[in-house]
Amino acid sequence: MDERSSLIERLPKAELHLHIEGTLEPELMFALAARNGVALPYRSVEALRQAYSFSRLQDFLDLYYQGMSVLRTETDFHDLAAAYLARVHSQGLRYAEIFFDPQAHTSRGVAFGTVLDGLERATEEARRAHGLEVKLIMCFLRHLDEDDALRTLDLALPYKDRILGIGLDSSEIGHPPAKFASAFRRARDEGFRLTAHAGEEGPPDFVWQALDVLGVERIDHGIRAMEDDELVQRLARERVALTVCPLSNLKLRVVQDLGQHPLKQMLDRGLLVTVNSDDPAYFGGYLNENYAAATEALALRPDEVRQLARNGFVAAFLSPEEKSGLLGDFDRAAADPSA
C-alpha cells in the first residue's frame, strides 16, 4: 500500500452525499426480492450488474427506481442501511448525512413511518456499536410536481425532530430548482437545513437558482459551476460547500475521464469541496474508492487528500459544538505521522 492509499484508509471521514437507496447491492436486492415475492427482470446477480452501464443520469434513474421496488418493510430499510453503515465503518467513516427518497416509497404504498423507522433503527445500532453519528435528509423528487413535494413535506412534519434537512434530487434536465421555490420556502420556515442537487447535468444557472431561489446552504454535485467564474468566486467567498461524487460523475458520463474531473481545480480555487459516493452500489465504489480513484487520476497530494477529508466535517449540518468535537478528532488523527 503506497503513502496516499494508506492515508485514505486511516483518515476519519464524513459523507454528505449518499442516497441510501443507491447502496442496494445486487445480492441484497435479490435477497429482498425473494423475501417479499417481487419478480426482478434479471436472471442473476451477474446479469443485473451487467445492466449498470449508463450513458446519462436518466438511464441510471430508470434502473434505480426499478431496483427499490424490493423495499417493502421496516426490516428491508433497516437491512439496507445496516449493510451500508457496516461497510463504511471499515473505511473510516465517523459521520454521515444520508439522503432518502420517501416519494419513491409512499407512491408504492409504503408508509412514510415504515421507511424512517427502518433507517433509524440501523443508524442507532451503528451509533451504539461503532460510534457512528448519522443524520437523515429527506429529498424531493424533482421529476414530480411541487404539489407532490408539498404533500410529502406534510407527511414529514410529524417526524420533524428525526429529519435533519430537505434536499432535491432525481432528473435535473428540464426540472430547474425554481420549480420548488414554495416547497423549500416552507421547509426553511419549518427549520429544516437545505441542500439541492444542481450543476451536475444542469447548467451553472441551476446552481444560482438553488442558492438564490431555494436558499440552500449546500450544493450537491455543482461541478458545472466551474463554467461560471462569477459563480465560482461567490461559492468561494461565501464558503458554500459542494458535495462532489467523482465515480458517479464518471459512470454517468458527466466527465469522460477522471483525469479531466474539476475536483483539483475546485480545491485550487478555494472551494469548500468534499468527496462522497452518491449511489455506490451502482457506480463502482464507496467512500474510500472515490478518494482513491480521484487521488490517482488527479495526482492529489497528501495535504489535498487531508483537506478534502477535513472539508467533509466543516461542511456538515452540525451544531458548532458537534462540529468542533469531530474536527478536533480529525485534526488529532491527521497530525499523527502514521496518518
Protein backbone atom coordinates (compact mmCIF):
# COMPACT_ATOMS: atom_id res chain seq x y z
CA MET A 1 0.00 0.00 0.00
CA ASP A 2 1.54 3.36 -1.02
CA GLU A 3 1.53 6.51 1.14
CA ARG A 4 -1.61 8.02 -0.34
CA SER A 5 -3.59 4.78 -0.14
CA SER A 6 -2.57 4.34 3.48
CA LEU A 7 -3.61 7.92 4.22
CA ILE A 8 -7.04 7.40 2.68
CA GLU A 9 -7.57 4.25 4.72
CA ARG A 10 -6.59 5.87 8.01
CA LEU A 11 -8.19 9.31 7.91
CA PRO A 12 -11.54 9.81 9.69
CA LYS A 13 -14.19 10.83 7.17
CA ALA A 14 -17.65 12.29 6.77
CA GLU A 15 -20.06 11.52 3.93
CA LEU A 16 -22.61 14.17 2.97
CA HIS A 17 -23.92 12.95 -0.40
CA LEU A 18 -25.18 9.40 -0.14
CA HIS A 19 -28.55 8.10 -1.33
CA ILE A 20 -29.38 5.14 0.87
CA GLU A 21 -31.44 3.55 -1.90
CA GLY A 22 -28.30 3.76 -4.04
CA THR A 23 -26.46 1.39 -1.68
CA LEU A 24 -28.72 -1.51 -2.65
CA GLU A 25 -26.19 -4.09 -3.81
CA PRO A 26 -27.43 -6.73 -6.29
CA GLU A 27 -27.07 -9.55 -3.75
CA LEU A 28 -29.29 -7.73 -1.25
CA MET A 29 -31.73 -6.74 -3.99
CA PHE A 30 -32.21 -10.40 -4.92
CA ALA A 31 -32.50 -11.42 -1.26
CA LEU A 32 -35.19 -8.80 -0.58
CA ALA A 33 -37.00 -9.71 -3.79
CA ALA A 34 -37.17 -13.32 -2.61
CA ARG A 35 -38.26 -12.25 0.87
CA ASN A 36 -41.08 -10.09 -0.48
CA GLY A 37 -42.12 -12.09 -3.53
CA VAL A 38 -41.02 -9.41 -6.01
CA ALA A 39 -40.10 -10.52 -9.53
CA LEU A 40 -36.96 -8.90 -10.96
CA PRO A 41 -36.34 -8.70 -14.72
CA TYR A 42 -32.86 -10.23 -14.33
CA ARG A 43 -31.89 -13.89 -14.13
CA SER A 44 -28.98 -13.41 -11.75
CA VAL A 45 -26.81 -11.03 -9.78
CA GLU A 46 -24.33 -11.09 -12.63
CA ALA A 47 -26.99 -10.15 -15.19
CA LEU A 48 -28.08 -7.26 -13.00
CA ARG A 49 -24.53 -5.96 -12.64
CA GLN A 50 -24.13 -6.06 -16.41
CA ALA A 51 -27.04 -3.64 -16.66
CA TYR A 52 -25.03 -0.99 -14.80
CA SER A 53 -23.88 0.73 -17.97
CA PHE A 54 -25.24 4.26 -18.20
CA SER A 55 -24.91 6.98 -20.81
CA ARG A 56 -26.69 9.64 -18.75
CA LEU A 57 -28.42 10.27 -15.44
CA GLN A 58 -31.84 9.12 -16.65
CA ASP A 59 -30.51 5.69 -17.65
CA PHE A 60 -29.37 5.18 -14.07
CA LEU A 61 -32.58 6.55 -12.54
CA ASP A 62 -34.74 4.12 -14.51
CA LEU A 63 -32.84 1.18 -13.01
CA TYR A 64 -32.59 2.84 -9.59
CA TYR A 65 -36.36 3.20 -9.19
CA GLN A 66 -36.95 -0.29 -10.51
CA GLY A 67 -34.47 -1.74 -8.00
CA MET A 68 -36.01 -0.07 -4.96
CA SER A 69 -39.31 -1.85 -5.62
CA VAL A 70 -37.97 -4.67 -3.43
CA LEU A 71 -38.01 -2.37 -0.37
CA ARG A 72 -41.33 -3.01 1.35
CA THR A 73 -40.99 -3.37 5.13
CA GLU A 74 -39.26 -1.68 8.04
CA THR A 75 -36.84 -4.61 8.16
CA ASP A 76 -35.95 -4.09 4.49
CA PHE A 77 -34.98 -0.46 5.12
CA HIS A 78 -33.10 -1.47 8.25
CA ASP A 79 -31.13 -4.13 6.38
CA LEU A 80 -30.33 -1.70 3.57
CA ALA A 81 -28.93 0.97 5.91
CA ALA A 82 -27.19 -1.54 8.18
CA ALA A 83 -25.28 -3.01 5.22
CA TYR A 84 -24.08 0.43 4.13
CA LEU A 85 -23.05 1.50 7.62
CA ALA A 86 -21.15 -1.72 8.31
CA ARG A 87 -19.22 -1.32 5.07
CA VAL A 88 -18.25 2.32 5.50
CA HIS A 89 -17.39 1.99 9.18
CA SER A 90 -14.45 -0.12 8.00
CA GLN A 91 -13.47 2.75 5.67
CA GLY A 92 -13.06 5.27 8.47
CA LEU A 93 -16.49 6.89 8.34
CA ARG A 94 -17.30 8.83 11.51
CA TYR A 95 -20.26 10.94 10.43
CA ALA A 96 -22.84 10.72 7.64
CA GLU A 97 -25.82 12.65 6.38
CA ILE A 98 -27.92 10.18 4.41
CA PHE A 99 -30.48 11.07 1.75
CA PHE A 100 -33.71 9.11 1.43
CA ASP A 101 -36.50 9.44 -1.18
CA PRO A 102 -39.88 8.98 0.54
CA GLN A 103 -41.93 9.72 -2.60
CA ALA A 104 -40.40 6.69 -4.31
CA HIS A 105 -41.81 4.55 -1.49
CA THR A 106 -45.09 6.20 -0.48
CA SER A 107 -46.16 6.09 -4.14
CA ARG A 108 -45.88 2.28 -3.86
CA GLY A 109 -47.98 2.14 -0.70
CA VAL A 110 -45.09 2.03 1.78
CA ALA A 111 -45.84 4.26 4.77
CA PHE A 112 -43.53 7.18 5.49
CA GLY A 113 -43.01 5.94 9.04
CA THR A 114 -42.03 2.49 7.82
CA VAL A 115 -39.13 3.98 5.84
CA LEU A 116 -38.00 6.24 8.64
CA ASP A 117 -38.28 3.64 11.40
CA GLY A 118 -36.20 1.11 9.48
CA LEU A 119 -33.46 3.59 8.64
CA GLU A 120 -33.36 4.97 12.16
CA ARG A 121 -33.11 1.54 13.76
CA ALA A 122 -29.99 0.82 11.68
CA THR A 123 -28.41 4.19 12.44
CA GLU A 124 -28.99 3.77 16.17
CA GLU A 125 -27.39 0.32 16.07
CA ALA A 126 -24.38 1.80 14.25
CA ARG A 127 -24.08 4.54 16.84
CA ARG A 128 -24.07 2.04 19.71
CA ALA A 129 -21.79 -0.48 18.02
CA HIS A 130 -19.32 1.77 16.22
CA GLY A 131 -19.79 5.33 17.48
CA LEU A 132 -21.06 6.46 14.08
CA GLU A 133 -23.16 9.62 14.03
CA VAL A 134 -25.78 9.53 11.26
CA LYS A 135 -28.48 12.03 10.35
CA LEU A 136 -31.20 11.82 7.69
CA ILE A 137 -32.05 14.24 4.88
CA MET A 138 -35.34 13.81 3.02
CA CYS A 139 -35.21 14.60 -0.70
CA PHE A 140 -37.96 15.78 -3.01
CA LEU A 141 -38.03 14.08 -6.42
CA ARG A 142 -37.71 16.88 -8.93
CA HIS A 143 -39.34 14.97 -11.81
CA LEU A 144 -42.59 15.12 -9.82
CA ASP A 145 -44.53 18.34 -9.37
CA GLU A 146 -44.23 20.75 -6.48
CA ASP A 147 -47.65 19.83 -5.10
CA ASP A 148 -46.36 16.29 -4.57
CA ALA A 149 -43.33 17.71 -2.77
CA LEU A 150 -45.58 19.81 -0.53
CA ARG A 151 -47.72 16.77 0.31
CA THR A 152 -44.56 14.87 1.19
CA LEU A 153 -43.46 17.71 3.41
CA ASP A 154 -46.81 17.42 5.21
CA LEU A 155 -46.10 13.72 5.78
CA ALA A 156 -42.68 14.57 7.19
CA LEU A 157 -43.77 17.20 9.71
CA PRO A 158 -44.89 14.73 12.42
CA TYR A 159 -41.33 13.31 12.24
CA LYS A 160 -39.67 16.73 12.14
CA ASP A 161 -37.33 16.07 15.05
CA ARG A 162 -35.98 12.96 13.31
CA ILE A 163 -35.12 14.58 9.95
CA LEU A 164 -32.19 16.98 9.69
CA GLY A 165 -32.86 18.56 6.34
CA ILE A 166 -34.51 18.70 2.94
CA GLY A 167 -32.80 18.01 -0.38
CA LEU A 168 -33.71 17.90 -4.07
CA ASP A 169 -32.67 15.04 -6.35
CA SER A 170 -33.65 12.95 -9.41
CA SER A 171 -33.75 14.17 -13.03
CA GLU A 172 -32.08 17.57 -13.33
CA ILE A 173 -32.61 18.34 -17.01
CA GLY A 174 -35.97 20.06 -17.51
CA HIS A 175 -36.56 20.49 -13.78
CA PRO A 176 -34.88 23.68 -12.55
CA PRO A 177 -34.59 24.33 -8.81
CA ALA A 178 -37.00 27.29 -9.07
CA LYS A 179 -39.80 24.77 -9.69
CA PHE A 180 -39.68 24.02 -5.94
CA ALA A 181 -39.48 27.55 -4.54
CA SER A 182 -42.62 27.25 -2.40
CA ALA A 183 -41.71 23.83 -1.01
CA PHE A 184 -38.25 25.00 0.03
CA ARG A 185 -39.61 28.23 1.50
CA ARG A 186 -41.95 26.23 3.68
CA ALA A 187 -39.22 23.75 4.61
CA ARG A 188 -36.98 26.63 5.67
CA ASP A 189 -39.79 28.12 7.75
CA GLU A 190 -40.15 24.73 9.49
CA GLY A 191 -36.48 24.82 10.46
CA PHE A 192 -35.02 22.19 8.11
CA ARG A 193 -31.47 22.54 6.78
CA LEU A 194 -31.49 22.89 2.98
CA THR A 195 -29.44 21.42 0.15
CA ALA A 196 -30.10 20.61 -3.51
CA HIS A 197 -28.59 18.76 -6.44
CA ALA A 198 -27.55 21.34 -9.02
CA GLY A 199 -24.90 21.72 -11.67
CA GLU A 200 -24.40 18.02 -12.35
CA GLU A 201 -26.04 17.73 -15.77
CA GLY A 202 -27.81 21.06 -15.40
CA PRO A 203 -26.14 24.42 -16.18
CA PRO A 204 -24.49 26.85 -13.75
CA ASP A 205 -27.78 28.78 -13.68
CA PHE A 206 -29.29 25.89 -11.71
CA VAL A 207 -26.68 26.49 -9.00
CA TRP A 208 -27.60 30.18 -8.92
CA GLN A 209 -31.28 29.20 -8.60
CA ALA A 210 -30.55 26.75 -5.79
CA LEU A 211 -28.75 29.49 -3.88
CA ASP A 212 -31.00 32.47 -4.60
CA VAL A 213 -34.45 30.95 -5.12
CA LEU A 214 -34.33 27.91 -2.85
CA GLY A 215 -31.95 29.44 -0.30
CA VAL A 216 -29.88 26.28 0.11
CA GLU A 217 -26.81 26.15 2.33
CA ARG A 218 -25.00 23.48 0.32
CA ILE A 219 -24.84 22.30 -3.30
CA ASP A 220 -24.82 18.61 -4.21
CA HIS A 221 -22.52 17.96 -7.18
CA GLY A 222 -22.10 21.51 -8.54
CA ILE A 223 -19.19 20.68 -10.81
CA ARG A 224 -20.62 22.70 -13.71
CA ALA A 225 -20.32 25.79 -11.53
CA MET A 226 -16.74 25.85 -12.78
CA GLU A 227 -18.06 27.12 -16.13
CA ASP A 228 -19.09 30.42 -14.49
CA ASP A 229 -16.23 32.40 -12.95
CA GLU A 230 -18.52 34.79 -11.09
CA LEU A 231 -20.31 31.84 -9.54
CA VAL A 232 -17.03 30.22 -8.53
CA GLN A 233 -15.95 33.43 -6.82
CA ARG A 234 -19.24 33.59 -4.95
CA LEU A 235 -19.06 29.96 -3.82
CA ALA A 236 -15.52 30.53 -2.54
CA ARG A 237 -16.34 33.83 -0.86
CA GLU A 238 -19.45 32.53 0.89
CA ARG A 239 -17.89 29.16 1.72
CA VAL A 240 -20.77 27.25 0.14
CA ALA A 241 -19.92 23.56 0.32
CA LEU A 242 -20.13 21.31 -2.75
CA THR A 243 -20.60 17.57 -2.27
CA VAL A 244 -18.77 16.07 -5.22
CA CYS A 245 -19.01 12.41 -6.28
CA PRO A 246 -16.15 11.51 -8.66
CA LEU A 247 -17.09 7.93 -9.61
CA SER A 248 -20.71 8.94 -10.10
CA ASN A 249 -19.64 11.72 -12.45
CA LEU A 250 -17.55 9.23 -14.41
CA LYS A 251 -20.16 6.47 -14.50
CA LEU A 252 -22.89 8.88 -15.69
CA ARG A 253 -20.51 10.45 -18.21
CA VAL A 254 -20.70 13.91 -16.71
CA VAL A 255 -16.93 13.70 -17.18
CA GLN A 256 -15.41 11.40 -19.77
CA ASP A 257 -12.25 10.70 -17.81
CA LEU A 258 -11.43 11.18 -14.12
CA GLY A 259 -8.24 12.91 -15.19
CA GLN A 260 -10.50 15.67 -16.56
CA HIS A 261 -12.54 15.97 -13.37
CA PRO A 262 -12.55 19.52 -11.92
CA LEU A 263 -12.09 18.38 -8.30
CA LYS A 264 -8.46 19.55 -8.04
CA GLN A 265 -9.27 22.79 -9.83
CA MET A 266 -12.10 23.34 -7.34
CA LEU A 267 -9.65 22.92 -4.47
CA ASP A 268 -7.18 25.27 -6.14
CA ARG A 269 -9.92 27.92 -6.48
CA GLY A 270 -10.59 27.77 -2.74
CA LEU A 271 -13.94 25.98 -2.87
CA LEU A 272 -15.21 24.02 0.11
CA VAL A 273 -15.38 20.77 -1.85
CA THR A 274 -15.97 17.32 -0.37
CA VAL A 275 -15.72 13.74 -1.67
CA ASN A 276 -18.70 11.39 -1.49
CA SER A 277 -20.04 8.23 -3.15
CA ASP A 278 -23.61 9.18 -4.25
CA ASP A 279 -25.06 5.76 -5.25
CA PRO A 280 -22.11 3.44 -4.67
CA ALA A 281 -23.81 0.11 -5.45
CA TYR A 282 -24.40 1.36 -8.98
CA PHE A 283 -21.27 3.47 -9.57
CA GLY A 284 -18.49 1.09 -8.59
CA GLY A 285 -17.22 2.39 -5.28
CA TYR A 286 -17.93 3.56 -1.77
CA LEU A 287 -16.22 6.43 0.02
CA ASN A 288 -12.61 5.23 0.01
CA GLU A 289 -12.87 4.05 -3.59
CA ASN A 290 -13.91 7.58 -4.58
CA TYR A 291 -10.97 9.07 -2.70
CA ALA A 292 -8.57 6.57 -4.22
CA ALA A 293 -9.80 6.98 -7.79
CA ALA A 294 -9.70 10.78 -7.63
CA THR A 295 -6.32 10.80 -5.89
CA GLU A 296 -4.75 8.61 -8.56
CA ALA A 297 -6.39 10.28 -11.56
CA LEU A 298 -5.65 13.82 -10.41
CA ALA A 299 -2.32 13.14 -8.65
CA LEU A 300 -3.62 14.68 -5.44
CA ARG A 301 -1.01 15.44 -2.82
CA PRO A 302 -1.38 14.10 0.75
CA ASP A 303 -2.23 17.59 2.01
CA GLU A 304 -5.01 17.83 -0.57
CA VAL A 305 -6.42 14.47 0.50
CA ARG A 306 -6.39 15.66 4.11
CA GLN A 307 -8.11 18.90 3.11
CA LEU A 308 -10.87 17.05 1.27
CA ALA A 309 -11.49 14.79 4.25
CA ARG A 310 -11.49 17.71 6.70
CA ASN A 311 -13.90 19.64 4.47
CA GLY A 312 -16.46 16.89 4.98
CA PHE A 313 -16.69 17.77 8.67
CA VAL A 314 -16.55 21.52 8.04
CA ALA A 315 -19.47 21.27 5.58
CA ALA A 316 -21.65 19.10 7.80
CA PHE A 317 -25.02 20.34 9.07
CA LEU A 318 -23.90 20.16 12.70
CA SER A 319 -24.09 22.44 15.69
CA PRO A 320 -20.86 24.35 16.44
CA GLU A 321 -20.26 22.09 19.44
CA GLU A 322 -20.75 18.87 17.47
CA LYS A 323 -18.58 20.13 14.62
CA SER A 324 -15.83 21.25 16.98
CA GLY A 325 -15.64 17.80 18.55
CA LEU A 326 -15.42 15.95 15.24
CA LEU A 327 -12.91 18.42 13.80
CA GLY A 328 -10.78 18.07 16.92
CA ASP A 329 -10.77 14.29 16.47
CA PHE A 330 -9.91 14.69 12.80
CA ASP A 331 -7.07 17.13 13.40
CA ARG A 332 -5.51 14.86 16.01
CA ALA A 333 -5.71 11.89 13.65
CA ALA A 334 -4.36 13.90 10.70
CA ALA A 335 -1.43 15.15 12.78
CA ASP A 336 -0.40 11.60 13.64
CA PRO A 337 2.64 10.73 11.48
CA SER A 338 1.08 7.34 10.78
CA ALA A 339 -1.90 9.12 9.19
